[in-house]
Amino acid sequence: MGTRRAAWSVVLGVISTVTLPVAILGTRYSASYDLLHAAYAIPLAVLTGIAALMLARKARALDRATLEGVKGGRAATWGRVLGILGLCLAASATISIAVYGVLAAAD
């Protein structure tokens, strides 16, 4: 059970990490969307990042509680790292949108 949670934490961590770059890339090749429209992907990055962290934490706790030893420890660590990276990208995107809003309001 712990290895399945660890694997899902990696999957959600990857989704969290690539959500914003893919959204930005999508606006690059779309005629109907601007770069600001990529901001709609921020909540998805946050939610999947938090879910990756929660699953990684549960997987590591379950692996510590079993007598068999750590089986999903490395995957849980990767899920945690990718979840944190996705949250950092979402935070920097949020800050970027906020700064843009302040500068646009000053004009």
N, C-alpha and C. Protein backbone atom coordinates (compact mmCIF):
# COMPACT_ATOMS: atom_id res chain seq x y z
N MET A 1 0.83 -1.20 0.00
CA MET A 1 0.00 0.00 0.00
C MET A 1 0.87 1.25 0.00
N GLY A 2 1.97 1.22 0.72
CA GLY A 2 2.84 2.38 0.79
C GLY A 2 3.52 2.68 -0.54
N THR A 3 3.85 1.60 -1.27
CA THR A 3 4.49 1.83 -2.57
C THR A 3 3.51 2.43 -3.57
N ARG A 4 2.24 2.07 -3.47
CA ARG A 4 1.24 2.65 -4.37
C ARG A 4 1.07 4.14 -4.07
N ARG A 5 1.02 4.49 -2.80
CA ARG A 5 0.90 5.91 -2.43
C ARG A 5 2.14 6.67 -2.86
N ALA A 6 3.30 6.06 -2.70
CA ALA A 6 4.53 6.72 -3.11
C ALA A 6 4.55 6.94 -4.62
N ALA A 7 4.09 5.94 -5.37
CA ALA A 7 4.04 6.09 -6.83
C ALA A 7 3.07 7.20 -7.23
N TRP A 8 1.92 7.25 -6.58
CA TRP A 8 0.95 8.31 -6.89
C TRP A 8 1.49 9.68 -6.48
N SER A 9 2.29 9.73 -5.42
CA SER A 9 2.87 11.02 -5.04
C SER A 9 3.84 11.51 -6.11
N VAL A 10 4.56 10.58 -6.74
CA VAL A 10 5.46 10.96 -7.84
C VAL A 10 4.65 11.46 -9.03
N VAL A 11 3.58 10.74 -9.37
CA VAL A 11 2.74 11.13 -10.50
C VAL A 11 2.15 12.53 -10.27
N LEU A 12 1.59 12.74 -9.09
CA LEU A 12 1.00 14.06 -8.79
C LEU A 12 2.07 15.14 -8.69
N GLY A 13 3.25 14.78 -8.20
CA GLY A 13 4.34 15.75 -8.16
C GLY A 13 4.79 16.17 -9.55
N VAL A 14 4.85 15.22 -10.47
CA VAL A 14 5.20 15.55 -11.86
C VAL A 14 4.13 16.43 -12.48
N ILE A 15 2.86 16.10 -12.24
CA ILE A 15 1.77 16.93 -12.76
C ILE A 15 1.86 18.34 -12.21
N SER A 16 2.12 18.45 -10.91
CA SER A 16 2.24 19.76 -10.28
C SER A 16 3.40 20.56 -10.86
N THR A 17 4.50 19.88 -11.14
CA THR A 17 5.68 20.57 -11.64
C THR A 17 5.52 21.02 -13.09
N VAL A 18 4.87 20.22 -13.92
CA VAL A 18 4.78 20.56 -15.34
C VAL A 18 3.54 21.36 -15.70
N THR A 19 2.61 21.55 -14.78
CA THR A 19 1.36 22.24 -15.09
C THR A 19 1.59 23.65 -15.61
N LEU A 20 2.34 24.43 -14.90
CA LEU A 20 2.53 25.83 -15.32
C LEU A 20 3.40 25.98 -16.57
N PRO A 21 4.51 25.25 -16.69
CA PRO A 21 5.24 25.36 -17.96
C PRO A 21 4.42 24.94 -19.18
N VAL A 22 3.59 23.91 -19.03
CA VAL A 22 2.74 23.48 -20.15
C VAL A 22 1.68 24.54 -20.44
N ALA A 23 1.13 25.15 -19.40
CA ALA A 23 0.14 26.21 -19.62
C ALA A 23 0.77 27.41 -20.32
N ILE A 24 1.97 27.76 -19.93
CA ILE A 24 2.67 28.87 -20.57
C ILE A 24 3.00 28.53 -22.01
N LEU A 25 3.46 27.31 -22.25
CA LEU A 25 3.76 26.88 -23.60
C LEU A 25 2.50 26.86 -24.47
N GLY A 26 1.37 26.47 -23.86
CA GLY A 26 0.12 26.46 -24.60
C GLY A 26 -0.31 27.85 -25.03
N THR A 27 -0.05 28.85 -24.20
CA THR A 27 -0.40 30.21 -24.60
C THR A 27 0.53 30.73 -25.69
N ARG A 28 1.70 30.19 -25.76
CA ARG A 28 2.66 30.61 -26.79
C ARG A 28 2.18 30.24 -28.18
N TYR A 29 1.55 29.08 -28.30
CA TYR A 29 1.13 28.59 -29.61
C TYR A 29 -0.36 28.77 -29.87
N SER A 30 -1.04 29.54 -29.03
CA SER A 30 -2.47 29.76 -29.22
C SER A 30 -2.70 31.22 -29.59
N ALA A 31 -3.57 31.43 -30.55
CA ALA A 31 -3.88 32.79 -30.96
C ALA A 31 -4.96 33.42 -30.07
N SER A 32 -5.72 32.60 -29.39
CA SER A 32 -6.84 33.12 -28.60
C SER A 32 -6.54 33.27 -27.11
N TYR A 33 -5.36 32.82 -26.65
CA TYR A 33 -5.02 32.92 -25.24
C TYR A 33 -3.74 33.74 -25.07
N ASP A 34 -3.75 34.58 -24.03
CA ASP A 34 -2.57 35.37 -23.69
C ASP A 34 -1.80 34.69 -22.57
N LEU A 35 -0.65 35.24 -22.25
CA LEU A 35 0.17 34.68 -21.18
C LEU A 35 -0.55 34.74 -19.83
N LEU A 36 -1.35 35.76 -19.62
CA LEU A 36 -2.09 35.88 -18.35
C LEU A 36 -3.09 34.75 -18.16
N HIS A 37 -3.57 34.16 -19.25
CA HIS A 37 -4.50 33.05 -19.13
C HIS A 37 -3.85 31.81 -18.52
N ALA A 38 -2.53 31.73 -18.56
CA ALA A 38 -1.83 30.60 -17.94
C ALA A 38 -1.99 30.62 -16.42
N ALA A 39 -2.39 31.76 -15.87
CA ALA A 39 -2.59 31.86 -14.42
C ALA A 39 -3.73 30.98 -13.93
N TYR A 40 -4.63 30.60 -14.83
CA TYR A 40 -5.73 29.71 -14.43
C TYR A 40 -5.23 28.31 -14.07
N ALA A 41 -3.99 27.99 -14.40
CA ALA A 41 -3.42 26.69 -14.06
C ALA A 41 -2.79 26.68 -12.67
N ILE A 42 -2.68 27.82 -12.02
CA ILE A 42 -2.05 27.89 -10.70
C ILE A 42 -2.80 27.04 -9.67
N PRO A 43 -4.13 27.10 -9.57
CA PRO A 43 -4.79 26.25 -8.58
C PRO A 43 -4.57 24.76 -8.80
N LEU A 44 -4.49 24.33 -10.05
CA LEU A 44 -4.23 22.92 -10.32
C LEU A 44 -2.84 22.53 -9.82
N ALA A 45 -1.86 23.39 -10.04
CA ALA A 45 -0.51 23.11 -9.57
C ALA A 45 -0.46 23.05 -8.04
N VAL A 46 -1.20 23.93 -7.39
CA VAL A 46 -1.23 23.94 -5.92
C VAL A 46 -1.90 22.67 -5.39
N LEU A 47 -3.05 22.34 -5.95
CA LEU A 47 -3.78 21.16 -5.46
C LEU A 47 -3.01 19.87 -5.66
N THR A 48 -2.42 19.70 -6.83
CA THR A 48 -1.66 18.47 -7.07
C THR A 48 -0.36 18.45 -6.26
N GLY A 49 0.23 19.60 -6.02
CA GLY A 49 1.42 19.66 -5.18
C GLY A 49 1.12 19.27 -3.74
N ILE A 50 0.02 19.78 -3.21
CA ILE A 50 -0.37 19.43 -1.84
C ILE A 50 -0.73 17.95 -1.74
N ALA A 51 -1.44 17.45 -2.75
CA ALA A 51 -1.79 16.02 -2.75
C ALA A 51 -0.54 15.15 -2.82
N ALA A 52 0.45 15.56 -3.61
CA ALA A 52 1.71 14.80 -3.69
C ALA A 52 2.42 14.78 -2.35
N LEU A 53 2.43 15.92 -1.66
CA LEU A 53 3.07 15.97 -0.35
C LEU A 53 2.34 15.10 0.67
N MET A 54 1.02 15.13 0.64
CA MET A 54 0.25 14.32 1.58
C MET A 54 0.44 12.83 1.32
N LEU A 55 0.41 12.42 0.07
CA LEU A 55 0.61 11.01 -0.25
C LEU A 55 2.02 10.55 0.10
N ALA A 56 3.01 11.39 -0.17
CA ALA A 56 4.39 11.03 0.17
C ALA A 56 4.55 10.89 1.68
N ARG A 57 3.92 11.77 2.42
CA ARG A 57 4.01 11.69 3.88
C ARG A 57 3.35 10.42 4.41
N LYS A 58 2.17 10.09 3.87
CA LYS A 58 1.49 8.87 4.30
C LYS A 58 2.27 7.63 3.91
N ALA A 59 2.88 7.64 2.72
CA ALA A 59 3.65 6.49 2.27
C ALA A 59 4.87 6.28 3.16
N ARG A 60 5.55 7.34 3.51
CA ARG A 60 6.73 7.21 4.38
C ARG A 60 6.33 6.76 5.78
N ALA A 61 5.21 7.27 6.29
CA ALA A 61 4.75 6.85 7.61
C ALA A 61 4.35 5.38 7.61
N LEU A 62 3.70 4.94 6.56
CA LEU A 62 3.30 3.54 6.45
C LEU A 62 4.53 2.64 6.31
N ASP A 63 5.51 3.08 5.57
CA ASP A 63 6.72 2.27 5.42
C ASP A 63 7.51 2.18 6.72
N ARG A 64 7.48 3.23 7.52
CA ARG A 64 8.15 3.18 8.82
C ARG A 64 7.43 2.26 9.80
N ALA A 65 6.12 2.14 9.62
CA ALA A 65 5.32 1.34 10.55
C ALA A 65 5.37 -0.16 10.23
N THR A 66 5.81 -0.52 9.04
CA THR A 66 5.83 -1.94 8.69
C THR A 66 7.13 -2.58 9.12
N LEU A 67 7.08 -3.88 9.28
CA LEU A 67 8.27 -4.63 9.66
C LEU A 67 9.10 -5.05 8.46
N GLU A 68 8.55 -4.90 7.27
CA GLU A 68 9.23 -5.34 6.06
C GLU A 68 10.35 -4.40 5.63
N GLY A 69 10.37 -3.23 6.13
CA GLY A 69 11.38 -2.26 5.73
C GLY A 69 10.81 -1.28 4.74
N VAL A 70 11.64 -0.35 4.36
CA VAL A 70 11.21 0.73 3.47
C VAL A 70 11.21 0.20 2.04
N LYS A 71 10.03 0.25 1.40
CA LYS A 71 9.93 -0.20 0.01
C LYS A 71 9.65 0.96 -0.93
N GLY A 72 8.94 1.97 -0.48
CA GLY A 72 8.61 3.10 -1.35
C GLY A 72 9.29 4.37 -0.89
N GLY A 73 10.36 4.24 -0.15
CA GLY A 73 11.02 5.42 0.41
C GLY A 73 11.59 6.35 -0.63
N ARG A 74 12.24 5.80 -1.63
CA ARG A 74 12.84 6.65 -2.66
C ARG A 74 11.76 7.34 -3.50
N ALA A 75 10.72 6.60 -3.83
CA ALA A 75 9.62 7.19 -4.61
C ALA A 75 8.91 8.26 -3.79
N ALA A 76 8.72 8.01 -2.50
CA ALA A 76 8.08 9.01 -1.64
C ALA A 76 8.92 10.27 -1.54
N THR A 77 10.23 10.10 -1.51
CA THR A 77 11.12 11.27 -1.48
C THR A 77 11.01 12.07 -2.76
N TRP A 78 10.97 11.37 -3.91
CA TRP A 78 10.81 12.06 -5.18
C TRP A 78 9.45 12.75 -5.26
N GLY A 79 8.42 12.10 -4.76
CA GLY A 79 7.10 12.73 -4.75
C GLY A 79 7.10 13.99 -3.91
N ARG A 80 7.79 13.93 -2.79
CA ARG A 80 7.87 15.10 -1.91
C ARG A 80 8.63 16.24 -2.58
N VAL A 81 9.76 15.92 -3.20
CA VAL A 81 10.57 16.94 -3.86
C VAL A 81 9.80 17.57 -5.02
N LEU A 82 9.16 16.74 -5.83
CA LEU A 82 8.40 17.27 -6.96
C LEU A 82 7.18 18.07 -6.50
N GLY A 83 6.53 17.64 -5.43
CA GLY A 83 5.41 18.40 -4.87
C GLY A 83 5.85 19.77 -4.38
N ILE A 84 6.98 19.81 -3.70
CA ILE A 84 7.51 21.10 -3.23
C ILE A 84 7.90 21.98 -4.40
N LEU A 85 8.51 21.39 -5.42
CA LEU A 85 8.88 22.16 -6.61
C LEU A 85 7.65 22.74 -7.30
N GLY A 86 6.60 21.93 -7.41
CA GLY A 86 5.36 22.42 -8.01
C GLY A 86 4.75 23.55 -7.22
N LEU A 87 4.79 23.44 -5.88
CA LEU A 87 4.27 24.53 -5.04
C LEU A 87 5.12 25.79 -5.16
N CYS A 88 6.42 25.62 -5.29
CA CYS A 88 7.29 26.79 -5.47
C CYS A 88 7.02 27.48 -6.81
N LEU A 89 6.80 26.69 -7.85
CA LEU A 89 6.46 27.28 -9.15
C LEU A 89 5.12 28.01 -9.09
N ALA A 90 4.16 27.42 -8.39
CA ALA A 90 2.85 28.08 -8.24
C ALA A 90 2.97 29.36 -7.44
N ALA A 91 3.81 29.35 -6.40
CA ALA A 91 4.01 30.56 -5.60
C ALA A 91 4.67 31.66 -6.43
N SER A 92 5.67 31.30 -7.22
CA SER A 92 6.34 32.32 -8.04
C SER A 92 5.40 32.85 -9.12
N ALA A 93 4.54 31.99 -9.66
CA ALA A 93 3.56 32.46 -10.65
C ALA A 93 2.55 33.39 -9.99
N THR A 94 2.14 33.07 -8.78
CA THR A 94 1.20 33.94 -8.06
C THR A 94 1.82 35.31 -7.78
N ILE A 95 3.08 35.31 -7.38
CA ILE A 95 3.79 36.57 -7.14
C ILE A 95 3.91 37.36 -8.44
N SER A 96 4.19 36.67 -9.52
CA SER A 96 4.31 37.35 -10.82
C SER A 96 2.99 37.99 -11.24
N ILE A 97 1.90 37.29 -11.04
CA ILE A 97 0.58 37.84 -11.39
C ILE A 97 0.25 39.02 -10.49
N ALA A 98 0.60 38.92 -9.21
CA ALA A 98 0.33 40.03 -8.28
C ALA A 98 1.14 41.27 -8.66
N VAL A 99 2.40 41.09 -8.99
CA VAL A 99 3.24 42.23 -9.40
C VAL A 99 2.70 42.85 -10.69
N TYR A 100 2.29 42.02 -11.63
CA TYR A 100 1.70 42.52 -12.87
C TYR A 100 0.43 43.33 -12.57
N GLY A 101 -0.40 42.82 -11.66
CA GLY A 101 -1.62 43.54 -11.30
C GLY A 101 -1.33 44.88 -10.69
N VAL A 102 -0.31 44.95 -9.83
CA VAL A 102 0.06 46.23 -9.20
C VAL A 102 0.59 47.19 -10.26
N LEU A 103 1.45 46.70 -11.14
CA LEU A 103 2.01 47.57 -12.16
C LEU A 103 0.95 48.02 -13.17
N ALA A 104 0.02 47.15 -13.48
CA ALA A 104 -1.05 47.52 -14.42
C ALA A 104 -1.99 48.54 -13.79
N ALA A 105 -2.20 48.43 -12.49
CA ALA A 105 -3.08 49.38 -11.80
C ALA A 105 -2.40 50.75 -11.66
N ALA A 106 -1.07 50.77 -11.64
CA ALA A 106 -0.35 52.03 -11.49
C ALA A 106 -0.39 52.87 -12.78
N ASP A 107 -0.63 52.23 -13.90
CA ASP A 107 -0.68 52.97 -15.17
C ASP A 107 -1.93 53.74 -15.34
